[in-house]
Amino acid sequence: MSHPDACATDPVDERLAPHTALLFGFQHVLVMAAAPITAVFLVGQAMGFGPDITVPLMSATFLACGLGTLLQSFGPWGIGARLPFVQVPGGAPIVIFLAIAQGTDMQTATGAVILTALFYFIALPFFTRVLRFFPPIVIGTMLLLVAVNLVKIFGSLIVGQPDSPSYAASSTTLLALATMAAIVLCARLFRGVLRRISVMLGLLSGTLIAALFGDIDLSGMTSGPWWALPQLFPFGMPKFDIIASLPLIIFSVVSMTEATGQTMATAEIVGKKGDPSVLVPRNIRADALGSLFGGCLGTSLIITSGENIGIVRATGVRSRYVTVAAGALLIVIALFAPLGRLAAALPTPVVAGTAVIVFAIIGAMGINILRNVNLNEHGNLYTLASALAMGLLPIVVPDFYSDFPQHLQIILGNGLAMGTLTAVLVNILFHCTRRPTASHRHNTYTTSTDQEPS
């Protein structure tokens, strides 16, 4: 049920009944839970932390994600895009965060997060001037690369580590495939609300299958404290080392590029009206503030998630009050320790299999945007081809740039960043620098990417 004024309200601002918002918000939480859980798991394993550190760090990560999500959804004081966004610890920032921590210490790593969050605010006024260079061909390409990159990451979570005895075990692969099949079947067989929560129903079906085969251990759910209160600066006062922080600061530019594409794509999906030069900075400010808060709690960057774009598209529920509910649930999970332990107990193949379907939907959305681009036009064809080449190479061949300097690998080795930047630059080359001819005088930068195929 929706608010009585919903008929006069934009879909993104529609107020849902509390139980409806909580139901769809819970689905968002289930899909994104893999990101904070995996992030804390990687940090704990790499740094040799025991449960006494990883459990509070898990709580702190969920809390930072929840507060960041509320910022994005409510958008107070120009901070947050007022779009149905969920914030998570990014995969690439976690890797960079760990590299800094292992090369120095955790205090320097958390200091790098805080410096990077402040850099967002400093760089933002300059970054907003390039938003006009993100036409549909760039956005569609970016969404396609987001999908490929995330499917690869979560597909790797399904098969596990190559040196593990259980690597690519048929049981884990089948569990992930069964979860994916359950999502598709729910989407096909159900109608109304049940169809809209098909992702959540599929995940719960996969969890039930895992429980039937004894693949879930809930014995630790009630052990330990019932309430978890994250500690401010858990690793001690941060150290601010500009040189050590440079890799994360450089990545923040990539993150702003990703946030630009995600904001514009989500705004289009939910029918949000507004100037991108206003919406994008609001998004990035929320990323900056969420990361600043996360850094003070010992986490890496907390940034806008591309995962929930697929959920919004799959469910058709465009209200930002769904992610308000998701943010509130994330805070409850953070503070109520047994819920955090339950989230950590969800089988990895089930969560990762669910994520793969959601990310594939993001790819389909990118293809749909590219359908409206005239690829018979010479410049558009080469823009897409070169962006896919530069974007897919580091994804499908991870060691492609391994002989390059480490600071260059941060950018070159990020397929999403390279693909998006290539799309922007090649599109400028073809559509902003050529001399007009008699047949192209009418073909401006903005219209060249919006033509329908002939």
Protein backbone atom coordinates (compact mmCIF):
# COMPACT_ATOMS: atom_id res chain seq x y z
CA MET A 1 0.00 0.00 0.00
CA SER A 2 1.28 3.46 -0.82
CA HIS A 3 0.74 6.88 0.63
CA PRO A 4 -2.55 8.54 -0.33
CA ASP A 5 -0.68 11.26 -2.19
CA ALA A 6 1.38 8.79 -4.18
CA CYS A 7 -0.54 9.60 -7.39
CA ALA A 8 0.83 13.16 -7.23
CA THR A 9 4.31 12.10 -6.19
CA ASP A 10 7.32 11.03 -8.22
CA PRO A 11 7.87 7.26 -7.89
CA VAL A 12 11.20 7.81 -6.17
CA ASP A 13 9.52 9.93 -3.47
CA GLU A 14 6.53 7.62 -2.95
CA ARG A 15 6.02 6.76 0.72
CA LEU A 16 5.29 3.07 1.16
CA ALA A 17 3.48 1.39 4.03
CA PRO A 18 6.07 0.53 6.74
CA HIS A 19 5.69 -3.24 6.36
CA THR A 20 6.09 -2.97 2.56
CA ALA A 21 9.18 -0.76 2.85
CA LEU A 22 10.71 -3.14 5.40
CA LEU A 23 10.06 -6.16 3.19
CA PHE A 24 11.72 -4.64 0.13
CA GLY A 25 14.43 -3.06 2.27
CA PHE A 26 15.23 -6.48 3.73
CA GLN A 27 15.73 -7.76 0.19
CA HIS A 28 18.29 -5.00 -0.46
CA VAL A 29 20.11 -5.94 2.75
CA LEU A 30 20.24 -9.64 1.87
CA VAL A 31 21.73 -8.91 -1.54
CA MET A 32 24.33 -6.40 -0.34
CA ALA A 33 25.29 -8.30 2.83
CA ALA A 34 28.05 -10.17 1.00
CA ALA A 35 30.04 -6.95 0.51
CA PRO A 36 30.58 -5.93 4.18
CA ILE A 37 30.94 -9.57 5.29
CA THR A 38 33.55 -10.28 2.62
CA ALA A 39 35.38 -7.02 3.33
CA VAL A 40 35.75 -7.78 7.04
CA PHE A 41 36.67 -11.40 6.29
CA LEU A 42 39.47 -10.30 3.93
CA VAL A 43 40.85 -7.73 6.38
CA GLY A 44 40.68 -10.19 9.27
CA GLN A 45 42.41 -12.96 7.32
CA ALA A 46 45.10 -10.72 5.85
CA MET A 47 45.94 -8.97 9.12
CA GLY A 48 45.59 -12.06 11.32
CA PHE A 49 42.81 -10.65 13.47
CA GLY A 50 40.87 -12.86 15.88
CA PRO A 51 37.13 -12.77 16.63
CA ASP A 52 37.71 -10.13 19.31
CA ILE A 53 38.58 -7.69 16.50
CA THR A 54 36.62 -9.01 13.51
CA VAL A 55 33.21 -9.11 15.27
CA PRO A 56 33.33 -5.40 16.34
CA LEU A 57 34.75 -4.53 12.91
CA MET A 58 31.80 -6.31 11.29
CA SER A 59 29.47 -4.26 13.45
CA ALA A 60 31.28 -1.04 12.56
CA THR A 61 31.09 -1.82 8.84
CA PHE A 62 27.35 -2.51 8.92
CA LEU A 63 26.83 0.68 10.94
CA ALA A 64 28.79 2.80 8.44
CA CYS A 65 26.85 1.22 5.55
CA GLY A 66 23.54 1.89 7.29
CA LEU A 67 24.29 5.53 8.08
CA GLY A 68 25.63 6.11 4.55
CA THR A 69 22.49 4.54 3.08
CA LEU A 70 20.27 6.83 5.15
CA LEU A 71 22.29 9.83 3.98
CA GLN A 72 21.82 8.84 0.33
CA SER A 73 18.09 8.18 0.78
CA PHE A 74 17.15 11.26 2.84
CA GLY A 75 19.69 13.67 1.31
CA PRO A 76 19.82 16.29 4.08
CA TRP A 77 21.76 19.57 3.61
CA GLY A 78 22.81 18.68 0.06
CA ILE A 79 24.44 15.41 1.18
CA GLY A 80 22.90 12.40 -0.56
CA ALA A 81 21.18 12.08 -3.94
CA ARG A 82 17.72 11.20 -2.54
CA LEU A 83 17.80 8.08 -4.69
CA PRO A 84 17.37 4.43 -3.62
CA PHE A 85 21.08 3.84 -3.01
CA VAL A 86 22.80 1.45 -0.61
CA GLN A 87 26.39 2.05 0.47
CA VAL A 88 28.96 -0.72 0.89
CA PRO A 89 32.73 -1.16 1.29
CA GLY A 90 34.02 -1.17 -2.30
CA GLY A 91 36.03 -4.17 -3.52
CA ALA A 92 38.95 -2.20 -5.00
CA PRO A 93 39.23 0.15 -1.98
CA ILE A 94 39.48 -2.88 0.33
CA VAL A 95 42.42 -4.23 -1.68
CA ILE A 96 44.17 -0.84 -1.57
CA PHE A 97 43.33 -0.41 2.12
CA LEU A 98 44.93 -3.78 2.86
CA ALA A 99 48.02 -2.96 0.81
CA ILE A 100 48.50 0.23 2.85
CA ALA A 101 47.90 -1.61 6.13
CA GLN A 102 50.33 -4.40 5.27
CA GLY A 103 52.95 -1.92 4.06
CA THR A 104 52.61 0.31 7.13
CA ASP A 105 50.01 -0.35 9.85
CA MET A 106 46.27 -0.11 10.48
CA GLN A 107 46.55 3.40 11.91
CA THR A 108 48.07 4.64 8.63
CA ALA A 109 45.45 2.73 6.61
CA THR A 110 42.55 4.31 8.52
CA GLY A 111 44.28 7.69 8.24
CA ALA A 112 44.40 7.16 4.47
CA VAL A 113 40.63 6.59 4.44
CA ILE A 114 40.03 9.83 6.35
CA LEU A 115 42.38 11.81 4.05
CA THR A 116 40.65 10.35 0.99
CA ALA A 117 37.22 11.28 2.36
CA LEU A 118 38.42 14.88 2.80
CA PHE A 119 39.89 14.82 -0.73
CA TYR A 120 36.42 14.03 -2.12
CA PHE A 121 35.19 17.39 -0.85
CA ILE A 122 38.22 19.25 -2.21
CA ALA A 123 38.09 17.67 -5.69
CA LEU A 124 34.31 17.73 -6.13
CA PRO A 125 33.96 21.32 -7.50
CA PHE A 126 36.44 20.52 -10.27
CA PHE A 127 34.97 17.09 -11.02
CA THR A 128 31.41 18.37 -11.61
CA ARG A 129 32.62 20.35 -14.62
CA VAL A 130 33.16 17.15 -16.63
CA LEU A 131 29.67 15.70 -16.16
CA ARG A 132 28.64 16.71 -19.69
CA PHE A 133 31.09 14.12 -21.00
CA PHE A 134 28.90 11.24 -19.75
CA PRO A 135 26.31 10.71 -22.52
CA PRO A 136 24.27 7.46 -22.88
CA ILE A 137 27.04 5.58 -24.67
CA VAL A 138 29.36 6.11 -21.69
CA ILE A 139 26.69 5.23 -19.12
CA GLY A 140 25.61 2.09 -20.99
CA THR A 141 29.21 0.92 -21.37
CA MET A 142 29.91 1.55 -17.70
CA LEU A 143 26.91 -0.51 -16.56
CA LEU A 144 27.97 -3.37 -18.83
CA LEU A 145 31.49 -3.32 -17.36
CA VAL A 146 30.10 -3.07 -13.81
CA ALA A 147 28.16 -6.26 -14.47
CA VAL A 148 31.10 -8.17 -15.95
CA ASN A 149 33.47 -7.08 -13.18
CA LEU A 150 31.08 -7.93 -10.32
CA VAL A 151 30.01 -11.26 -11.86
CA LYS A 152 33.70 -12.20 -12.03
CA ILE A 153 34.31 -11.17 -8.40
CA PHE A 154 31.32 -13.00 -6.97
CA GLY A 155 31.82 -15.96 -9.29
CA SER A 156 35.28 -16.27 -7.73
CA LEU A 157 33.65 -16.27 -4.28
CA ILE A 158 31.52 -19.25 -5.36
CA VAL A 159 34.47 -21.40 -6.45
CA GLY A 160 36.76 -20.27 -3.60
CA GLN A 161 40.53 -19.97 -3.50
CA PRO A 162 42.51 -21.88 -6.19
CA ASP A 163 44.84 -23.37 -3.57
CA SER A 164 41.94 -24.63 -1.45
CA PRO A 165 41.08 -28.37 -1.41
CA SER A 166 37.43 -27.46 -2.01
CA TYR A 167 38.18 -25.21 -4.98
CA ALA A 168 35.31 -25.28 -7.50
CA ALA A 169 33.64 -28.14 -5.62
CA SER A 170 30.54 -29.33 -7.43
CA SER A 171 28.45 -29.02 -4.23
CA THR A 172 29.12 -25.27 -3.87
CA THR A 173 28.68 -24.64 -7.58
CA LEU A 174 25.36 -26.51 -7.62
CA LEU A 175 24.16 -24.60 -4.55
CA ALA A 176 24.88 -21.28 -6.29
CA LEU A 177 23.18 -22.47 -9.49
CA ALA A 178 20.16 -23.70 -7.51
CA THR A 179 19.85 -20.27 -5.88
CA MET A 180 20.01 -18.56 -9.26
CA ALA A 181 17.41 -20.95 -10.68
CA ALA A 182 15.13 -20.34 -7.69
CA ILE A 183 15.24 -16.57 -8.34
CA VAL A 184 14.30 -17.04 -12.00
CA LEU A 185 11.49 -19.48 -11.13
CA CYS A 186 10.06 -17.12 -8.50
CA ALA A 187 10.13 -14.28 -11.04
CA ARG A 188 8.30 -16.50 -13.55
CA LEU A 189 5.73 -18.19 -11.31
CA PHE A 190 4.70 -15.43 -8.91
CA ARG A 191 2.76 -12.22 -9.38
CA GLY A 192 2.52 -8.92 -7.52
CA VAL A 193 4.55 -8.50 -4.35
CA LEU A 194 5.93 -12.04 -4.46
CA ARG A 195 7.36 -11.42 -7.92
CA ARG A 196 8.95 -8.21 -6.71
CA ILE A 197 10.73 -10.02 -3.89
CA SER A 198 11.81 -12.92 -6.12
CA VAL A 199 15.47 -12.14 -5.40
CA MET A 200 14.91 -12.48 -1.66
CA LEU A 201 12.78 -15.61 -2.10
CA GLY A 202 15.49 -17.17 -4.23
CA LEU A 203 18.13 -16.38 -1.62
CA LEU A 204 15.96 -17.87 1.14
CA SER A 205 15.36 -20.96 -1.03
CA GLY A 206 19.10 -21.40 -1.49
CA THR A 207 19.62 -20.99 2.25
CA LEU A 208 16.97 -23.64 2.93
CA ILE A 209 18.65 -26.06 0.50
CA ALA A 210 21.98 -25.45 2.23
CA ALA A 211 20.36 -26.09 5.63
CA LEU A 212 18.88 -29.38 4.40
CA PHE A 213 22.38 -30.55 3.49
CA GLY A 214 23.89 -29.32 6.76
CA ASP A 215 25.89 -26.48 5.16
CA ILE A 216 24.85 -23.81 7.69
CA ASP A 217 26.35 -23.50 11.14
CA LEU A 218 24.22 -21.38 13.48
CA SER A 219 25.87 -22.59 16.67
CA GLY A 220 27.71 -19.30 17.18
CA MET A 221 24.66 -17.09 16.80
CA THR A 222 23.89 -16.84 20.50
CA SER A 223 27.47 -16.97 21.74
CA GLY A 224 29.05 -13.72 22.76
CA PRO A 225 27.45 -10.39 23.63
CA TRP A 226 23.94 -9.47 22.46
CA TRP A 227 24.78 -5.86 21.71
CA ALA A 228 27.73 -4.52 19.75
CA LEU A 229 28.85 -0.93 20.05
CA PRO A 230 31.54 -0.03 17.50
CA GLN A 231 34.58 1.68 18.95
CA LEU A 232 35.90 5.00 17.68
CA PHE A 233 39.45 4.57 16.29
CA PRO A 234 39.66 0.86 17.24
CA PHE A 235 43.28 0.59 16.06
CA GLY A 236 44.46 3.74 17.83
CA MET A 237 44.68 7.33 16.64
CA PRO A 238 45.09 7.43 12.84
CA LYS A 239 48.37 8.41 11.22
CA PHE A 240 48.17 10.78 8.26
CA ASP A 241 50.78 9.86 5.66
CA ILE A 242 50.09 11.56 2.31
CA ILE A 243 52.52 9.33 0.37
CA ALA A 244 51.08 6.10 1.77
CA SER A 245 47.56 7.44 1.15
CA LEU A 246 48.13 8.33 -2.52
CA PRO A 247 46.82 5.02 -3.97
CA LEU A 248 43.49 5.44 -2.16
CA ILE A 249 43.31 9.15 -3.04
CA ILE A 250 43.92 8.32 -6.71
CA PHE A 251 41.19 5.70 -6.55
CA SER A 252 38.74 8.30 -5.25
CA VAL A 253 38.75 9.88 -8.72
CA VAL A 254 37.76 6.50 -10.14
CA SER A 255 35.10 6.22 -7.46
CA MET A 256 33.67 9.61 -8.43
CA THR A 257 33.51 8.44 -12.04
CA GLU A 258 31.64 5.30 -10.97
CA ALA A 259 29.29 7.36 -8.79
CA THR A 260 28.53 9.61 -11.75
CA GLY A 261 27.43 6.71 -13.92
CA GLN A 262 25.46 5.05 -11.12
CA THR A 263 23.65 8.28 -10.25
CA MET A 264 22.63 9.02 -13.82
CA ALA A 265 21.61 5.41 -14.51
CA THR A 266 19.57 5.13 -11.31
CA ALA A 267 17.94 8.52 -11.85
CA GLU A 268 16.82 7.34 -15.29
CA ILE A 269 15.47 4.03 -13.93
CA VAL A 270 13.43 5.61 -11.14
CA GLY A 271 12.26 8.56 -13.24
CA LYS A 272 14.04 11.11 -11.07
CA LYS A 273 13.92 14.58 -12.58
CA GLY A 274 16.84 16.84 -11.89
CA ASP A 275 20.09 18.28 -13.13
CA PRO A 276 22.94 15.69 -13.06
CA SER A 277 25.29 18.50 -12.01
CA VAL A 278 23.24 18.71 -8.81
CA LEU A 279 22.47 15.02 -8.23
CA VAL A 280 26.01 13.71 -8.75
CA PRO A 281 27.69 16.04 -6.22
CA ARG A 282 25.04 15.14 -3.65
CA ASN A 283 25.87 11.46 -4.17
CA ILE A 284 29.62 12.03 -3.90
CA ARG A 285 29.24 14.12 -0.73
CA ALA A 286 27.40 11.21 0.89
CA ASP A 287 30.21 8.85 -0.21
CA ALA A 288 32.71 11.24 1.33
CA LEU A 289 30.86 11.59 4.63
CA GLY A 290 30.14 7.84 4.83
CA SER A 291 33.82 7.10 4.19
CA LEU A 292 34.89 9.67 6.79
CA PHE A 293 32.63 8.04 9.35
CA GLY A 294 33.80 4.56 8.32
CA GLY A 295 37.45 5.56 8.57
CA CYS A 296 36.89 6.73 12.14
CA LEU A 297 35.44 3.27 12.91
CA GLY A 298 38.32 1.39 11.28
CA THR A 299 36.74 0.49 7.92
CA SER A 300 37.77 1.22 4.36
CA LEU A 301 35.91 3.57 1.99
CA ILE A 302 32.11 3.27 2.16
CA ILE A 303 30.81 4.06 -1.31
CA THR A 304 27.65 3.88 -3.41
CA SER A 305 26.78 0.36 -4.43
CA GLY A 306 25.97 -0.66 -8.00
CA GLU A 307 24.29 -3.77 -6.63
CA ASN A 308 21.02 -2.16 -5.69
CA ILE A 309 20.53 -0.76 -9.21
CA GLY A 310 19.77 -4.31 -10.31
CA ILE A 311 17.38 -4.81 -7.39
CA VAL A 312 15.47 -1.63 -8.26
CA ARG A 313 15.15 -2.76 -11.85
CA ALA A 314 14.19 -6.33 -10.94
CA THR A 315 11.52 -5.33 -8.43
CA GLY A 316 10.18 -2.24 -10.14
CA VAL A 317 9.96 -0.57 -6.70
CA ARG A 318 11.54 2.85 -7.17
CA SER A 319 10.84 4.51 -3.82
CA ARG A 320 13.84 5.75 -1.86
CA TYR A 321 11.99 4.88 1.32
CA VAL A 322 12.83 1.24 0.61
CA THR A 323 16.51 2.04 1.11
CA VAL A 324 15.59 4.15 4.14
CA ALA A 325 14.24 0.87 5.57
CA ALA A 326 17.38 -0.94 4.39
CA GLY A 327 19.59 1.63 6.15
CA ALA A 328 17.62 1.25 9.37
CA LEU A 329 17.90 -2.55 9.15
CA LEU A 330 21.67 -2.29 8.61
CA ILE A 331 21.99 -0.20 11.78
CA VAL A 332 19.93 -2.76 13.73
CA ILE A 333 22.18 -5.55 12.39
CA ALA A 334 25.22 -3.53 13.44
CA LEU A 335 24.01 -3.00 16.99
CA PHE A 336 22.28 -6.36 17.59
CA ALA A 337 25.20 -8.78 17.52
CA PRO A 338 23.27 -12.05 16.86
CA LEU A 339 21.89 -10.60 13.62
CA GLY A 340 25.39 -9.77 12.47
CA ARG A 341 26.49 -13.31 13.25
CA LEU A 342 23.44 -14.64 11.36
CA ALA A 343 24.35 -12.54 8.32
CA ALA A 344 27.88 -13.93 8.48
CA ALA A 345 26.47 -17.48 8.64
CA LEU A 346 24.67 -17.22 5.28
CA PRO A 347 26.36 -19.65 2.87
CA THR A 348 28.74 -17.85 0.52
CA PRO A 349 27.53 -19.72 -2.62
CA VAL A 350 23.96 -18.66 -1.89
CA VAL A 351 24.78 -14.97 -1.36
CA ALA A 352 27.23 -14.89 -4.27
CA GLY A 353 24.83 -16.75 -6.57
CA THR A 354 22.13 -14.21 -5.75
CA ALA A 355 24.53 -11.36 -6.44
CA VAL A 356 25.50 -12.83 -9.84
CA ILE A 357 21.88 -12.68 -11.03
CA VAL A 358 21.46 -9.12 -9.76
CA PHE A 359 24.68 -8.00 -11.45
CA ALA A 360 23.69 -9.65 -14.72
CA ILE A 361 20.51 -7.55 -14.60
CA ILE A 362 22.73 -4.45 -14.36
CA GLY A 363 24.48 -5.62 -17.54
CA ALA A 364 21.11 -6.04 -19.26
CA MET A 365 20.26 -2.46 -18.27
CA GLY A 366 23.49 -1.26 -19.88
CA ILE A 367 22.63 -3.13 -23.07
CA ASN A 368 19.19 -1.54 -23.06
CA ILE A 369 20.72 1.95 -22.85
CA LEU A 370 23.13 1.08 -25.68
CA ARG A 371 20.17 0.03 -27.83
CA ASN A 372 19.30 3.71 -28.13
CA VAL A 373 22.78 4.58 -29.39
CA ASN A 374 23.33 4.58 -33.15
CA LEU A 375 26.21 2.12 -33.53
CA ASN A 376 26.11 2.60 -37.30
CA GLU A 377 27.71 5.95 -36.58
CA HIS A 378 31.50 5.65 -36.87
CA GLY A 379 32.40 7.46 -33.65
CA ASN A 380 29.88 5.60 -31.50
CA LEU A 381 31.09 2.23 -32.76
CA TYR A 382 34.73 2.98 -31.94
CA THR A 383 33.84 4.54 -28.60
CA LEU A 384 32.08 1.35 -27.52
CA ALA A 385 34.69 -1.00 -29.00
CA SER A 386 37.69 0.77 -27.45
CA ALA A 387 35.95 1.12 -24.07
CA LEU A 388 35.08 -2.59 -23.98
CA ALA A 389 38.64 -3.50 -25.02
CA MET A 390 40.29 -1.39 -22.31
CA GLY A 391 37.67 -2.33 -19.74
CA LEU A 392 37.56 -6.08 -20.31
CA LEU A 393 41.31 -6.69 -20.63
CA PRO A 394 42.19 -6.19 -16.92
CA ILE A 395 39.02 -8.07 -15.91
CA VAL A 396 39.56 -11.21 -18.01
CA VAL A 397 43.39 -11.04 -17.88
CA PRO A 398 44.18 -9.84 -14.31
CA ASP A 399 47.97 -9.83 -14.87
CA PHE A 400 47.78 -7.75 -18.05
CA TYR A 401 49.46 -4.73 -16.40
CA SER A 402 51.49 -6.65 -13.80
CA ASP A 403 54.82 -5.35 -15.17
CA PHE A 404 53.73 -1.72 -14.85
CA PRO A 405 54.56 0.46 -11.81
CA GLN A 406 52.30 -0.17 -8.84
CA HIS A 407 50.78 3.31 -8.84
CA LEU A 408 49.76 2.91 -12.50
CA GLN A 409 48.27 -0.52 -11.86
CA ILE A 410 45.73 1.07 -9.52
CA ILE A 411 44.12 2.80 -12.50
CA LEU A 412 45.09 0.52 -15.41
CA GLY A 413 44.13 -2.63 -13.54
CA ASN A 414 40.64 -1.36 -12.73
CA GLY A 415 38.55 -2.48 -15.72
CA LEU A 416 35.58 -0.33 -14.82
CA ALA A 417 37.72 2.79 -14.47
CA MET A 418 39.67 2.16 -17.66
CA GLY A 419 36.59 1.34 -19.68
CA THR A 420 34.69 4.40 -18.47
CA LEU A 421 37.62 6.79 -18.95
CA THR A 422 38.28 5.35 -22.42
CA ALA A 423 34.62 5.80 -23.38
CA VAL A 424 34.75 9.43 -22.24
CA LEU A 425 38.00 10.23 -24.05
CA VAL A 426 37.19 8.46 -27.33
CA ASN A 427 33.70 9.98 -27.38
CA ILE A 428 35.29 13.42 -26.98
CA LEU A 429 37.79 12.60 -29.74
CA PHE A 430 35.05 11.75 -32.23
CA HIS A 431 32.27 14.11 -31.19
CA CYS A 432 33.96 17.17 -29.72
CA THR A 433 37.08 17.66 -31.81
CA ARG A 434 36.04 16.92 -35.40
CA ARG A 435 35.39 19.72 -37.83
CA PRO A 436 31.75 20.02 -38.89
CA THR A 437 30.91 19.06 -42.45
CA ALA A 438 27.82 19.59 -44.53
CA SER A 439 26.44 16.22 -43.48
CA HIS A 440 27.30 16.65 -39.83
CA ARG A 441 26.50 20.29 -39.03
CA HIS A 442 23.36 19.17 -37.23
CA ASN A 443 25.13 16.39 -35.37
CA THR A 444 26.10 17.90 -32.02
CA TYR A 445 27.83 16.19 -29.12
CA THR A 446 24.59 15.51 -27.28
CA THR A 447 22.52 14.27 -30.19
CA SER A 448 25.12 12.00 -31.74
CA THR A 449 24.75 9.47 -28.93
CA ASP A 450 20.98 9.67 -28.75
CA GLN A 451 20.03 8.81 -32.31
CA GLU A 452 17.85 5.80 -32.89
CA PRO A 453 19.39 3.07 -35.06
CA SER A 454 18.52 3.52 -38.69
